[in-house]
Amino acid sequence: MRTLLTRTGLIALATGLLIVICYLFVDRPVAEAALTLRDTVWHKGAGLLSQAANEFFFNVLAAAMLLAGAVDRLANGPSARARNLLYVSLSVASAMLVGDVLKELFGRARPPLLFTKQVYGFFPMAGDYMHCSFPSGHTLRIFSSMTALGLVLPRLRTPALALAVIVGISRVLALKHYPSDVLFGAFIGVTAAVWGWRLLHPTDGRATD
């Protein structure tokens, strides 16, 4: 556990540095480039692809897995299936909870405000949709679920994480988020899944290999 804590801290520091760099030098140019694609198939496709991490769907998914895992646990004892169902549910739900709190705290303006009002930056506790860009909720949902899936089924790890990366990129192309929003969302999602794995699979070292 101490090793995992140290690794998480180091990755958090590296992620924080990358976020600062993106905020200062990358986010605005990338958003402006994405704006040039607004009326193209790339923009429309990105919007459709983003639905793979739809919030309502993931709320239902997490609740269904929690219920199924609890029923399985009560009916069949501490089986691997019940534990894995509870694990995926915990990973997704915890990532979403952390993300929702941080969105409100940071209050970052979404890209459309840059284009329409030249508004860029953070407005803590702004409390509205246009000021809840950081972190990306779609990204943390897809990364938490796909990382969890990759830990439960290692042979699916590469395609699962590839899908997560594509969905993250789609949020930028859809003009919903900046790259640093997606980066932070990915960090939260992966961290939630890795820590959830260690908590529910304490004797399995795959999460820290």
N, C-alpha and C. Protein backbone atom coordinates (compact mmCIF):
# COMPACT_ATOMS: atom_id res chain seq x y z
N MET A 1 0.83 -1.21 0.00
CA MET A 1 0.00 0.00 0.00
C MET A 1 0.87 1.27 0.00
N ARG A 2 1.98 1.21 0.75
CA ARG A 2 2.86 2.38 0.80
C ARG A 2 3.46 2.67 -0.57
N THR A 3 3.82 1.59 -1.30
CA THR A 3 4.37 1.76 -2.64
C THR A 3 3.35 2.41 -3.57
N LEU A 4 2.12 1.95 -3.48
CA LEU A 4 1.05 2.51 -4.32
C LEU A 4 0.82 3.98 -3.97
N LEU A 5 0.87 4.32 -2.69
CA LEU A 5 0.69 5.70 -2.27
C LEU A 5 1.81 6.59 -2.83
N THR A 6 3.04 6.08 -2.78
CA THR A 6 4.17 6.84 -3.31
C THR A 6 4.04 7.05 -4.81
N ARG A 7 3.67 5.99 -5.51
CA ARG A 7 3.51 6.09 -6.97
C ARG A 7 2.39 7.06 -7.33
N THR A 8 1.31 6.98 -6.59
CA THR A 8 0.20 7.88 -6.86
C THR A 8 0.61 9.32 -6.64
N GLY A 9 1.36 9.57 -5.57
CA GLY A 9 1.82 10.93 -5.30
C GLY A 9 2.72 11.46 -6.40
N LEU A 10 3.63 10.63 -6.88
CA LEU A 10 4.54 11.05 -7.95
C LEU A 10 3.78 11.31 -9.24
N ILE A 11 2.83 10.43 -9.55
CA ILE A 11 2.04 10.62 -10.77
C ILE A 11 1.17 11.87 -10.64
N ALA A 12 0.66 12.12 -9.43
CA ALA A 12 -0.15 13.33 -9.21
C ALA A 12 0.68 14.59 -9.44
N LEU A 13 1.92 14.58 -8.97
CA LEU A 13 2.79 15.74 -9.18
C LEU A 13 3.08 15.95 -10.67
N ALA A 14 3.38 14.85 -11.37
CA ALA A 14 3.64 14.95 -12.80
C ALA A 14 2.40 15.42 -13.56
N THR A 15 1.24 14.90 -13.17
CA THR A 15 -0.01 15.30 -13.81
C THR A 15 -0.29 16.77 -13.55
N GLY A 16 -0.06 17.21 -12.31
CA GLY A 16 -0.27 18.62 -11.98
C GLY A 16 0.61 19.53 -12.81
N LEU A 17 1.86 19.13 -13.01
CA LEU A 17 2.78 19.93 -13.82
C LEU A 17 2.31 20.01 -15.27
N LEU A 18 1.87 18.88 -15.81
CA LEU A 18 1.36 18.86 -17.18
C LEU A 18 0.10 19.72 -17.32
N ILE A 19 -0.73 19.70 -16.29
CA ILE A 19 -1.95 20.51 -16.33
C ILE A 19 -1.60 22.00 -16.37
N VAL A 20 -0.63 22.40 -15.56
CA VAL A 20 -0.20 23.81 -15.57
C VAL A 20 0.35 24.20 -16.94
N ILE A 21 1.17 23.32 -17.52
CA ILE A 21 1.74 23.59 -18.84
C ILE A 21 0.62 23.71 -19.88
N CYS A 22 -0.33 22.78 -19.82
CA CYS A 22 -1.46 22.83 -20.76
C CYS A 22 -2.27 24.11 -20.59
N TYR A 23 -2.53 24.48 -19.35
CA TYR A 23 -3.33 25.67 -19.08
C TYR A 23 -2.66 26.92 -19.64
N LEU A 24 -1.35 27.01 -19.50
CA LEU A 24 -0.62 28.21 -19.93
C LEU A 24 -0.34 28.25 -21.43
N PHE A 25 -0.06 27.07 -22.02
CA PHE A 25 0.46 27.09 -23.38
C PHE A 25 -0.31 26.25 -24.41
N VAL A 26 -1.13 25.31 -23.96
CA VAL A 26 -1.71 24.34 -24.88
C VAL A 26 -3.22 24.48 -25.04
N ASP A 27 -3.94 24.70 -23.95
CA ASP A 27 -5.39 24.63 -23.97
C ASP A 27 -6.04 25.56 -25.00
N ARG A 28 -5.66 26.81 -24.97
CA ARG A 28 -6.30 27.76 -25.88
C ARG A 28 -5.99 27.48 -27.35
N PRO A 29 -4.73 27.25 -27.73
CA PRO A 29 -4.47 26.94 -29.14
C PRO A 29 -5.20 25.68 -29.63
N VAL A 30 -5.27 24.66 -28.79
CA VAL A 30 -5.95 23.43 -29.18
C VAL A 30 -7.45 23.68 -29.32
N ALA A 31 -8.03 24.44 -28.38
CA ALA A 31 -9.46 24.75 -28.47
C ALA A 31 -9.77 25.56 -29.73
N GLU A 32 -8.89 26.49 -30.07
CA GLU A 32 -9.09 27.29 -31.28
C GLU A 32 -8.98 26.44 -32.53
N ALA A 33 -8.08 25.46 -32.51
CA ALA A 33 -7.97 24.53 -33.64
C ALA A 33 -9.22 23.67 -33.75
N ALA A 34 -9.74 23.22 -32.59
CA ALA A 34 -10.96 22.42 -32.60
C ALA A 34 -12.14 23.23 -33.12
N LEU A 35 -12.13 24.53 -32.86
CA LEU A 35 -13.22 25.40 -33.31
C LEU A 35 -13.32 25.41 -34.83
N THR A 36 -12.19 25.31 -35.50
CA THR A 36 -12.21 25.31 -36.97
C THR A 36 -12.89 24.07 -37.54
N LEU A 37 -13.07 23.04 -36.71
CA LEU A 37 -13.72 21.80 -37.15
C LEU A 37 -15.19 21.74 -36.76
N ARG A 38 -15.72 22.84 -36.24
CA ARG A 38 -17.05 22.82 -35.63
C ARG A 38 -18.14 22.35 -36.59
N ASP A 39 -18.07 22.70 -37.85
CA ASP A 39 -19.12 22.33 -38.80
C ASP A 39 -18.73 21.15 -39.67
N THR A 40 -17.80 20.35 -39.20
CA THR A 40 -17.34 19.19 -39.97
C THR A 40 -17.82 17.89 -39.33
N VAL A 41 -17.56 16.80 -40.04
CA VAL A 41 -17.94 15.49 -39.54
C VAL A 41 -17.14 15.12 -38.29
N TRP A 42 -15.95 15.70 -38.15
CA TRP A 42 -15.12 15.41 -36.96
C TRP A 42 -15.81 15.90 -35.69
N HIS A 43 -16.37 17.10 -35.77
CA HIS A 43 -17.06 17.66 -34.60
C HIS A 43 -18.32 16.85 -34.27
N LYS A 44 -19.09 16.53 -35.30
CA LYS A 44 -20.31 15.77 -35.07
C LYS A 44 -20.00 14.36 -34.55
N GLY A 45 -18.97 13.76 -35.15
CA GLY A 45 -18.58 12.43 -34.69
C GLY A 45 -18.09 12.43 -33.26
N ALA A 46 -17.36 13.48 -32.88
CA ALA A 46 -16.87 13.58 -31.50
C ALA A 46 -18.03 13.68 -30.52
N GLY A 47 -19.05 14.44 -30.90
CA GLY A 47 -20.21 14.57 -30.02
C GLY A 47 -20.92 13.25 -29.82
N LEU A 48 -21.03 12.48 -30.90
CA LEU A 48 -21.68 11.16 -30.80
C LEU A 48 -20.82 10.19 -29.99
N LEU A 49 -19.53 10.21 -30.22
CA LEU A 49 -18.63 9.31 -29.51
C LEU A 49 -18.62 9.60 -28.01
N SER A 50 -18.79 10.86 -27.66
CA SER A 50 -18.81 11.23 -26.24
C SER A 50 -19.92 10.53 -25.48
N GLN A 51 -20.98 10.14 -26.20
CA GLN A 51 -22.10 9.50 -25.53
C GLN A 51 -21.75 8.13 -24.96
N ALA A 52 -20.58 7.61 -25.35
CA ALA A 52 -20.11 6.36 -24.75
C ALA A 52 -19.88 6.51 -23.26
N ALA A 53 -19.75 7.76 -22.79
CA ALA A 53 -19.53 8.03 -21.37
C ALA A 53 -20.66 8.90 -20.81
N ASN A 54 -21.85 8.72 -21.34
CA ASN A 54 -23.01 9.48 -20.89
C ASN A 54 -23.24 9.33 -19.38
N GLU A 55 -23.51 10.44 -18.71
CA GLU A 55 -23.63 10.40 -17.25
C GLU A 55 -24.79 9.54 -16.77
N PHE A 56 -25.95 9.66 -17.40
CA PHE A 56 -27.11 8.87 -16.98
C PHE A 56 -26.82 7.38 -17.13
N PHE A 57 -26.23 7.01 -18.25
CA PHE A 57 -25.90 5.60 -18.49
C PHE A 57 -24.97 5.08 -17.41
N PHE A 58 -23.96 5.87 -17.04
CA PHE A 58 -23.00 5.40 -16.04
C PHE A 58 -23.61 5.38 -14.64
N ASN A 59 -24.55 6.27 -14.35
CA ASN A 59 -25.26 6.19 -13.08
C ASN A 59 -26.04 4.89 -12.98
N VAL A 60 -26.73 4.54 -14.07
CA VAL A 60 -27.49 3.29 -14.10
C VAL A 60 -26.54 2.09 -14.01
N LEU A 61 -25.42 2.16 -14.76
CA LEU A 61 -24.45 1.07 -14.75
C LEU A 61 -23.88 0.83 -13.36
N ALA A 62 -23.47 1.90 -12.69
CA ALA A 62 -22.89 1.76 -11.36
C ALA A 62 -23.90 1.20 -10.37
N ALA A 63 -25.14 1.70 -10.44
CA ALA A 63 -26.19 1.22 -9.53
C ALA A 63 -26.52 -0.24 -9.80
N ALA A 64 -26.59 -0.62 -11.07
CA ALA A 64 -26.92 -2.01 -11.42
C ALA A 64 -25.83 -2.96 -10.97
N MET A 65 -24.57 -2.56 -11.16
CA MET A 65 -23.47 -3.42 -10.73
C MET A 65 -23.39 -3.54 -9.22
N LEU A 66 -23.67 -2.44 -8.53
CA LEU A 66 -23.69 -2.48 -7.07
C LEU A 66 -24.77 -3.44 -6.57
N LEU A 67 -25.96 -3.33 -7.15
CA LEU A 67 -27.06 -4.21 -6.76
C LEU A 67 -26.76 -5.67 -7.09
N ALA A 68 -26.25 -5.90 -8.31
CA ALA A 68 -25.95 -7.27 -8.73
C ALA A 68 -24.85 -7.87 -7.86
N GLY A 69 -23.83 -7.08 -7.56
CA GLY A 69 -22.75 -7.58 -6.72
C GLY A 69 -23.22 -7.89 -5.32
N ALA A 70 -24.08 -7.03 -4.76
CA ALA A 70 -24.58 -7.26 -3.41
C ALA A 70 -25.45 -8.51 -3.36
N VAL A 71 -26.32 -8.68 -4.35
CA VAL A 71 -27.19 -9.86 -4.40
C VAL A 71 -26.36 -11.13 -4.56
N ASP A 72 -25.37 -11.07 -5.45
CA ASP A 72 -24.49 -12.22 -5.66
C ASP A 72 -23.72 -12.56 -4.39
N ARG A 73 -23.26 -11.53 -3.71
CA ARG A 73 -22.50 -11.74 -2.46
C ARG A 73 -23.37 -12.41 -1.40
N LEU A 74 -24.60 -11.97 -1.29
CA LEU A 74 -25.50 -12.55 -0.29
C LEU A 74 -25.93 -13.97 -0.66
N ALA A 75 -26.09 -14.20 -1.96
CA ALA A 75 -26.58 -15.51 -2.40
C ALA A 75 -25.48 -16.56 -2.49
N ASN A 76 -24.29 -16.16 -2.92
CA ASN A 76 -23.25 -17.13 -3.21
C ASN A 76 -21.97 -16.96 -2.40
N GLY A 77 -21.98 -16.01 -1.48
CA GLY A 77 -20.78 -15.80 -0.68
C GLY A 77 -19.78 -14.90 -1.41
N PRO A 78 -18.57 -14.79 -0.87
CA PRO A 78 -17.56 -13.88 -1.44
C PRO A 78 -16.91 -14.43 -2.71
N SER A 79 -17.71 -14.53 -3.78
CA SER A 79 -17.19 -15.05 -5.05
C SER A 79 -16.41 -13.97 -5.79
N ALA A 80 -15.59 -14.41 -6.74
CA ALA A 80 -14.82 -13.47 -7.55
C ALA A 80 -15.76 -12.59 -8.38
N ARG A 81 -16.85 -13.17 -8.85
CA ARG A 81 -17.81 -12.40 -9.65
C ARG A 81 -18.42 -11.27 -8.85
N ALA A 82 -18.86 -11.57 -7.63
CA ALA A 82 -19.46 -10.54 -6.79
C ALA A 82 -18.45 -9.45 -6.46
N ARG A 83 -17.24 -9.85 -6.16
CA ARG A 83 -16.20 -8.89 -5.82
C ARG A 83 -15.89 -7.99 -7.00
N ASN A 84 -15.84 -8.54 -8.21
CA ASN A 84 -15.52 -7.74 -9.38
C ASN A 84 -16.65 -6.79 -9.74
N LEU A 85 -17.88 -7.23 -9.57
CA LEU A 85 -19.02 -6.34 -9.82
C LEU A 85 -18.99 -5.16 -8.85
N LEU A 86 -18.75 -5.44 -7.59
CA LEU A 86 -18.67 -4.38 -6.59
C LEU A 86 -17.48 -3.47 -6.86
N TYR A 87 -16.40 -4.05 -7.33
CA TYR A 87 -15.21 -3.27 -7.62
C TYR A 87 -15.43 -2.26 -8.74
N VAL A 88 -16.01 -2.71 -9.85
CA VAL A 88 -16.26 -1.79 -10.96
C VAL A 88 -17.22 -0.69 -10.55
N SER A 89 -18.26 -1.06 -9.81
CA SER A 89 -19.22 -0.07 -9.33
C SER A 89 -18.56 0.95 -8.43
N LEU A 90 -17.72 0.49 -7.50
CA LEU A 90 -17.02 1.38 -6.58
C LEU A 90 -16.09 2.32 -7.35
N SER A 91 -15.38 1.80 -8.32
CA SER A 91 -14.43 2.61 -9.10
C SER A 91 -15.14 3.74 -9.82
N VAL A 92 -16.21 3.41 -10.53
CA VAL A 92 -16.94 4.41 -11.30
C VAL A 92 -17.62 5.43 -10.39
N ALA A 93 -18.28 4.92 -9.34
CA ALA A 93 -19.01 5.81 -8.44
C ALA A 93 -18.07 6.77 -7.70
N SER A 94 -16.94 6.27 -7.24
CA SER A 94 -16.01 7.14 -6.50
C SER A 94 -15.40 8.18 -7.42
N ALA A 95 -15.06 7.81 -8.66
CA ALA A 95 -14.52 8.77 -9.61
C ALA A 95 -15.55 9.86 -9.92
N MET A 96 -16.80 9.47 -10.09
CA MET A 96 -17.85 10.45 -10.38
C MET A 96 -18.08 11.39 -9.21
N LEU A 97 -18.06 10.84 -8.01
CA LEU A 97 -18.27 11.67 -6.82
C LEU A 97 -17.15 12.70 -6.67
N VAL A 98 -15.91 12.25 -6.80
CA VAL A 98 -14.78 13.17 -6.69
C VAL A 98 -14.85 14.22 -7.80
N GLY A 99 -15.15 13.79 -9.01
CA GLY A 99 -15.23 14.71 -10.12
C GLY A 99 -16.29 15.78 -9.94
N ASP A 100 -17.47 15.38 -9.47
CA ASP A 100 -18.56 16.34 -9.27
C ASP A 100 -18.18 17.41 -8.24
N VAL A 101 -17.52 16.98 -7.17
CA VAL A 101 -17.11 17.94 -6.14
C VAL A 101 -16.07 18.91 -6.69
N LEU A 102 -15.08 18.38 -7.41
CA LEU A 102 -14.01 19.23 -7.94
C LEU A 102 -14.52 20.19 -9.01
N LYS A 103 -15.47 19.76 -9.81
CA LYS A 103 -16.06 20.64 -10.82
C LYS A 103 -16.62 21.90 -10.17
N GLU A 104 -17.36 21.70 -9.08
CA GLU A 104 -17.96 22.83 -8.38
C GLU A 104 -16.88 23.71 -7.73
N LEU A 105 -15.90 23.08 -7.13
CA LEU A 105 -14.85 23.84 -6.44
C LEU A 105 -14.04 24.71 -7.41
N PHE A 106 -13.64 24.13 -8.53
CA PHE A 106 -12.78 24.87 -9.46
C PHE A 106 -13.55 25.86 -10.33
N GLY A 107 -14.73 25.47 -10.78
CA GLY A 107 -15.54 26.39 -11.58
C GLY A 107 -14.86 26.87 -12.85
N ARG A 108 -14.23 25.99 -13.57
CA ARG A 108 -13.53 26.43 -14.78
C ARG A 108 -14.49 26.69 -15.94
N ALA A 109 -14.25 27.78 -16.64
CA ALA A 109 -15.08 28.15 -17.78
C ALA A 109 -14.84 27.19 -18.94
N ARG A 110 -15.92 26.78 -19.60
CA ARG A 110 -15.81 25.88 -20.74
C ARG A 110 -15.35 26.64 -21.99
N PRO A 111 -14.82 25.92 -22.98
CA PRO A 111 -14.32 26.57 -24.20
C PRO A 111 -15.28 27.53 -24.90
N PRO A 112 -16.59 27.24 -25.00
CA PRO A 112 -17.47 28.20 -25.69
C PRO A 112 -17.42 29.61 -25.10
N LEU A 113 -17.16 29.74 -23.81
CA LEU A 113 -17.08 31.07 -23.21
C LEU A 113 -15.86 31.82 -23.70
N LEU A 114 -14.81 31.10 -24.08
CA LEU A 114 -13.63 31.74 -24.64
C LEU A 114 -13.95 32.35 -26.00
N PHE A 115 -14.75 31.63 -26.77
CA PHE A 115 -15.04 32.07 -28.13
C PHE A 115 -16.11 33.16 -28.18
N THR A 116 -17.03 33.15 -27.23
CA THR A 116 -18.13 34.12 -27.28
C THR A 116 -17.89 35.34 -26.40
N LYS A 117 -17.16 35.14 -25.28
CA LYS A 117 -16.99 36.25 -24.34
C LYS A 117 -15.54 36.49 -23.91
N GLN A 118 -14.63 35.75 -24.52
CA GLN A 118 -13.21 35.85 -24.16
C GLN A 118 -12.97 35.57 -22.67
N VAL A 119 -13.75 34.65 -22.13
CA VAL A 119 -13.62 34.26 -20.72
C VAL A 119 -12.80 32.97 -20.65
N TYR A 120 -11.72 33.02 -19.87
CA TYR A 120 -10.84 31.86 -19.74
C TYR A 120 -10.33 31.80 -18.32
N GLY A 121 -10.41 30.63 -17.72
CA GLY A 121 -9.86 30.50 -16.37
C GLY A 121 -10.82 29.86 -15.39
N PHE A 122 -10.55 30.08 -14.11
CA PHE A 122 -11.28 29.44 -13.03
C PHE A 122 -12.10 30.47 -12.25
N PHE A 123 -13.33 30.06 -11.92
CA PHE A 123 -14.25 30.91 -11.16
C PHE A 123 -14.88 30.03 -10.08
N PRO A 124 -14.13 29.80 -8.99
CA PRO A 124 -14.56 28.84 -7.95
C PRO A 124 -15.99 29.03 -7.50
N MET A 125 -16.69 27.90 -7.41
CA MET A 125 -18.06 27.84 -6.92
C MET A 125 -19.01 28.67 -7.77
N ALA A 126 -18.75 28.76 -9.07
CA ALA A 126 -19.65 29.52 -9.95
C ALA A 126 -21.03 28.87 -10.02
N GLY A 127 -21.06 27.55 -9.98
CA GLY A 127 -22.32 26.85 -9.82
C GLY A 127 -23.20 26.71 -11.05
N ASP A 128 -22.65 26.78 -12.27
CA ASP A 128 -23.48 26.56 -13.45
C ASP A 128 -22.72 25.70 -14.45
N TYR A 129 -23.45 25.18 -15.43
CA TYR A 129 -22.89 24.23 -16.38
C TYR A 129 -21.69 24.79 -17.14
N MET A 130 -21.74 26.05 -17.51
CA MET A 130 -20.66 26.64 -18.30
C MET A 130 -19.40 26.89 -17.48
N HIS A 131 -19.47 26.68 -16.17
CA HIS A 131 -18.29 26.84 -15.32
C HIS A 131 -18.03 25.55 -14.52
N CYS A 132 -18.06 24.43 -15.23
CA CYS A 132 -17.75 23.14 -14.56
C CYS A 132 -16.97 22.24 -15.51
N SER A 133 -15.93 22.82 -16.10
CA SER A 133 -15.17 22.11 -17.13
C SER A 133 -14.05 21.25 -16.58
N PHE A 134 -13.62 21.49 -15.35
CA PHE A 134 -12.41 20.88 -14.82
C PHE A 134 -12.70 20.10 -13.54
N PRO A 135 -12.58 18.77 -13.57
CA PRO A 135 -12.13 17.88 -14.63
C PRO A 135 -13.26 17.49 -15.57
N SER A 136 -12.91 16.80 -16.65
CA SER A 136 -13.91 16.30 -17.59
C SER A 136 -14.62 15.09 -16.99
N GLY A 137 -15.94 15.21 -16.82
CA GLY A 137 -16.70 14.11 -16.25
C GLY A 137 -16.77 12.89 -17.16
N HIS A 138 -16.98 13.13 -18.46
CA HIS A 138 -17.00 12.01 -19.40
C HIS A 138 -15.68 11.24 -19.36
N THR A 139 -14.59 11.98 -19.28
CA THR A 139 -13.28 11.34 -19.29
C THR A 139 -13.04 10.51 -18.04
N LEU A 140 -13.37 11.04 -16.88
CA LEU A 140 -13.13 10.27 -15.66
C LEU A 140 -14.03 9.04 -15.59
N ARG A 141 -15.25 9.17 -16.15
CA ARG A 141 -16.14 8.00 -16.16
C ARG A 141 -15.59 6.90 -17.05
N ILE A 142 -15.17 7.26 -18.27
CA ILE A 142 -14.70 6.22 -19.19
C ILE A 142 -13.36 5.65 -18.73
N PHE A 143 -12.50 6.47 -18.15
CA PHE A 143 -11.21 5.94 -17.69
C PHE A 143 -11.37 5.07 -16.45
N SER A 144 -12.24 5.43 -15.55
CA SER A 144 -12.44 4.58 -14.37
C SER A 144 -13.02 3.23 -14.76
N SER A 145 -14.00 3.23 -15.65
CA SER A 145 -14.63 1.96 -16.05
C SER A 145 -13.70 1.11 -16.90
N MET A 146 -13.00 1.73 -17.85
CA MET A 146 -12.13 0.94 -18.72
C MET A 146 -10.86 0.46 -18.00
N THR A 147 -10.35 1.24 -17.07
CA THR A 147 -9.21 0.77 -16.27
C THR A 147 -9.64 -0.40 -15.40
N ALA A 148 -10.82 -0.28 -14.79
CA ALA A 148 -11.35 -1.37 -13.97
C ALA A 148 -11.56 -2.62 -14.82
N LEU A 149 -12.13 -2.45 -16.00
CA LEU A 149 -12.33 -3.59 -16.89
C LEU A 149 -11.00 -4.24 -17.26
N GLY A 150 -9.99 -3.41 -17.52
CA GLY A 150 -8.68 -3.94 -17.87
C GLY A 150 -8.01 -4.70 -16.74
N LEU A 151 -8.32 -4.34 -15.51
CA LEU A 151 -7.76 -5.06 -14.36
C LEU A 151 -8.50 -6.37 -14.11
N VAL A 152 -9.81 -6.36 -14.35
CA VAL A 152 -10.60 -7.58 -14.18
C VAL A 152 -10.32 -8.56 -15.32
N LEU A 153 -10.22 -8.03 -16.55
CA LEU A 153 -9.99 -8.85 -17.74
C LEU A 153 -8.75 -8.32 -18.47
N PRO A 154 -7.57 -8.72 -18.07
CA PRO A 154 -6.33 -8.16 -18.62
C PRO A 154 -6.23 -8.22 -20.14
N ARG A 155 -6.83 -9.23 -20.77
CA ARG A 155 -6.72 -9.33 -22.23
C ARG A 155 -7.47 -8.21 -22.94
N LEU A 156 -8.38 -7.54 -22.23
CA LEU A 156 -9.12 -6.43 -22.82
C LEU A 156 -8.51 -5.07 -22.47
N ARG A 157 -7.40 -5.07 -21.75
CA ARG A 157 -6.84 -3.84 -21.22
C ARG A 157 -6.49 -2.84 -22.33
N THR A 158 -5.81 -3.30 -23.37
CA THR A 158 -5.37 -2.38 -24.43
C THR A 158 -6.54 -1.76 -25.18
N PRO A 159 -7.51 -2.55 -25.70
CA PRO A 159 -8.64 -1.92 -26.38
C PRO A 159 -9.49 -1.05 -25.46
N ALA A 160 -9.61 -1.45 -24.20
CA ALA A 160 -10.41 -0.67 -23.26
C ALA A 160 -9.79 0.70 -23.02
N LEU A 161 -8.49 0.74 -22.80
CA LEU A 161 -7.82 2.01 -22.57
C LEU A 161 -7.75 2.84 -23.85
N ALA A 162 -7.65 2.18 -25.01
CA ALA A 162 -7.68 2.90 -26.28
C ALA A 162 -9.01 3.61 -26.45
N LEU A 163 -10.11 2.93 -26.09
CA LEU A 163 -11.42 3.56 -26.16
C LEU A 163 -11.49 4.76 -25.23
N ALA A 164 -10.94 4.62 -24.03
CA ALA A 164 -10.96 5.72 -23.07
C ALA A 164 -10.21 6.94 -23.62
N VAL A 165 -9.06 6.71 -24.24
CA VAL A 165 -8.29 7.81 -24.82
C VAL A 165 -9.07 8.49 -25.93
N ILE A 166 -9.72 7.71 -26.77
CA ILE A 166 -10.49 8.27 -27.89
C ILE A 166 -11.64 9.12 -27.37
N VAL A 167 -12.33 8.63 -26.36
CA VAL A 167 -13.44 9.40 -25.79
C VAL A 167 -12.93 10.69 -25.18
N GLY A 168 -11.77 10.62 -24.49
CA GLY A 168 -11.19 11.83 -23.93
C GLY A 168 -10.89 12.87 -25.00
N ILE A 169 -10.29 12.43 -26.10
CA ILE A 169 -9.99 13.34 -27.20
C ILE A 169 -11.27 13.92 -27.80
N SER A 170 -12.31 13.09 -27.85
CA SER A 170 -13.56 13.56 -28.43
C SER A 170 -14.15 14.73 -27.66
N ARG A 171 -13.89 14.79 -26.37
CA ARG A 171 -14.42 15.90 -25.56
C ARG A 171 -13.79 17.23 -25.94
N VAL A 172 -12.55 17.18 -26.38
CA VAL A 172 -11.87 18.39 -26.85
C VAL A 172 -12.40 18.77 -28.23
N LEU A 173 -12.53 17.79 -29.12
CA LEU A 173 -13.03 18.06 -30.47
C LEU A 173 -14.47 18.53 -30.46
N ALA A 174 -15.23 18.09 -29.45
CA ALA A 174 -16.62 18.50 -29.33
C ALA A 174 -16.76 19.88 -28.69
N LEU A 175 -15.63 20.51 -28.34
CA LEU A 175 -15.59 21.85 -27.74
C LEU A 175 -16.26 21.90 -26.37
N LYS A 176 -16.22 20.78 -25.66
CA LYS A 176 -16.78 20.72 -24.31
C LYS A 176 -15.70 20.92 -23.24
N HIS A 177 -14.45 20.60 -23.59
CA HIS A 177 -13.37 20.65 -22.60
C HIS A 177 -12.05 21.05 -23.24
N TYR A 178 -11.14 21.50 -22.39
CA TYR A 178 -9.77 21.75 -22.78
C TYR A 178 -8.94 20.48 -22.53
N PRO A 179 -7.77 20.37 -23.17
CA PRO A 179 -6.92 19.19 -22.92
C PRO A 179 -6.60 18.95 -21.44
N SER A 180 -6.36 20.02 -20.67
CA SER A 180 -6.04 19.82 -19.26
C SER A 180 -7.22 19.27 -18.47
N ASP A 181 -8.44 19.58 -18.88
CA ASP A 181 -9.64 19.00 -18.24
C ASP A 181 -9.65 17.49 -18.44
N VAL A 182 -9.32 17.08 -19.66
CA VAL A 182 -9.30 15.66 -20.01
C VAL A 182 -8.17 14.95 -19.26
N LEU A 183 -7.03 15.60 -19.19
CA LEU A 183 -5.89 15.01 -18.47
C LEU A 183 -6.22 14.77 -17.01
N PHE A 184 -6.85 15.75 -16.37
CA PHE A 184 -7.22 15.61 -14.96
C PHE A 184 -8.29 14.54 -14.79
N GLY A 185 -9.25 14.50 -15.71
CA GLY A 185 -10.28 13.47 -15.64
C GLY A 185 -9.70 12.07 -15.77
N ALA A 186 -8.73 11.91 -16.67
CA ALA A 186 -8.08 10.61 -16.84
C ALA A 186 -7.34 10.20 -15.57
N PHE A 187 -6.66 11.15 -14.95
CA PHE A 187 -5.93 10.86 -13.71
C PHE A 187 -6.90 10.39 -12.61
N ILE A 188 -8.01 11.09 -12.47
CA ILE A 188 -8.99 10.70 -11.44
C ILE A 188 -9.55 9.32 -11.73
N GLY A 189 -9.91 9.07 -12.98
CA GLY A 189 -10.49 7.79 -13.33
C GLY A 189 -9.55 6.62 -13.10
N VAL A 190 -8.32 6.75 -13.55
CA VAL A 190 -7.34 5.68 -13.37
C VAL A 190 -7.02 5.48 -11.90
N THR A 191 -6.86 6.57 -11.17
CA THR A 191 -6.54 6.48 -9.74
C THR A 191 -7.66 5.79 -8.97
N ALA A 192 -8.90 6.15 -9.26
CA ALA A 192 -10.04 5.52 -8.58
C ALA A 192 -10.06 4.02 -8.84
N ALA A 193 -9.79 3.61 -10.08
CA ALA A 193 -9.82 2.19 -10.42
C ALA A 193 -8.67 1.43 -9.77
N VAL A 194 -7.48 2.01 -9.80
CA VAL A 194 -6.31 1.33 -9.23
C VAL A 194 -6.44 1.19 -7.71
N TRP A 195 -6.86 2.26 -7.06
CA TRP A 195 -7.03 2.19 -5.60
C TRP A 195 -8.20 1.28 -5.22
N GLY A 196 -9.25 1.29 -6.01
CA GLY A 196 -10.36 0.38 -5.74
C GLY A 196 -9.92 -1.06 -5.87
N TRP A 197 -9.08 -1.34 -6.86
CA TRP A 197 -8.57 -2.70 -7.02
C TRP A 197 -7.75 -3.14 -5.81
N ARG A 198 -6.89 -2.26 -5.35
CA ARG A 198 -6.06 -2.62 -4.20
C ARG A 198 -6.92 -2.84 -2.95
N LEU A 199 -7.96 -2.05 -2.77
CA LEU A 199 -8.81 -2.19 -1.59
C LEU A 199 -9.62 -3.48 -1.61
N LEU A 200 -10.10 -3.88 -2.79
CA LEU A 200 -10.96 -5.06 -2.89
C LEU A 200 -10.20 -6.31 -3.30
N HIS A 201 -8.95 -6.15 -3.75
CA HIS A 201 -8.11 -7.30 -4.12
C HIS A 201 -6.74 -7.13 -3.44
N PRO A 202 -6.70 -7.10 -2.14
CA PRO A 202 -5.45 -6.77 -1.43
C PRO A 202 -4.31 -7.75 -1.66
N THR A 203 -4.60 -8.97 -2.09
CA THR A 203 -3.54 -9.96 -2.28
C THR A 203 -3.12 -10.07 -3.74
N ASP A 204 -3.75 -9.26 -4.62
CA ASP A 204 -3.44 -9.33 -6.06
C ASP A 204 -2.60 -8.12 -6.43
N GLY A 205 -1.41 -8.33 -6.94
CA GLY A 205 -0.50 -7.25 -7.24
C GLY A 205 -0.60 -6.66 -8.62
N ARG A 206 -1.57 -7.09 -9.46
CA ARG A 206 -1.60 -6.65 -10.85
C ARG A 206 -1.78 -5.15 -10.98
N ALA A 207 -2.45 -4.51 -10.02
CA ALA A 207 -2.71 -3.09 -10.13
C ALA A 207 -1.45 -2.27 -10.01
N THR A 208 -0.40 -2.81 -9.42
CA THR A 208 0.83 -2.04 -9.24
C THR A 208 2.01 -2.64 -9.99
N ASP A 209 1.75 -3.61 -10.88
CA ASP A 209 2.83 -4.20 -11.66
C ASP A 209 3.39 -3.18 -12.65
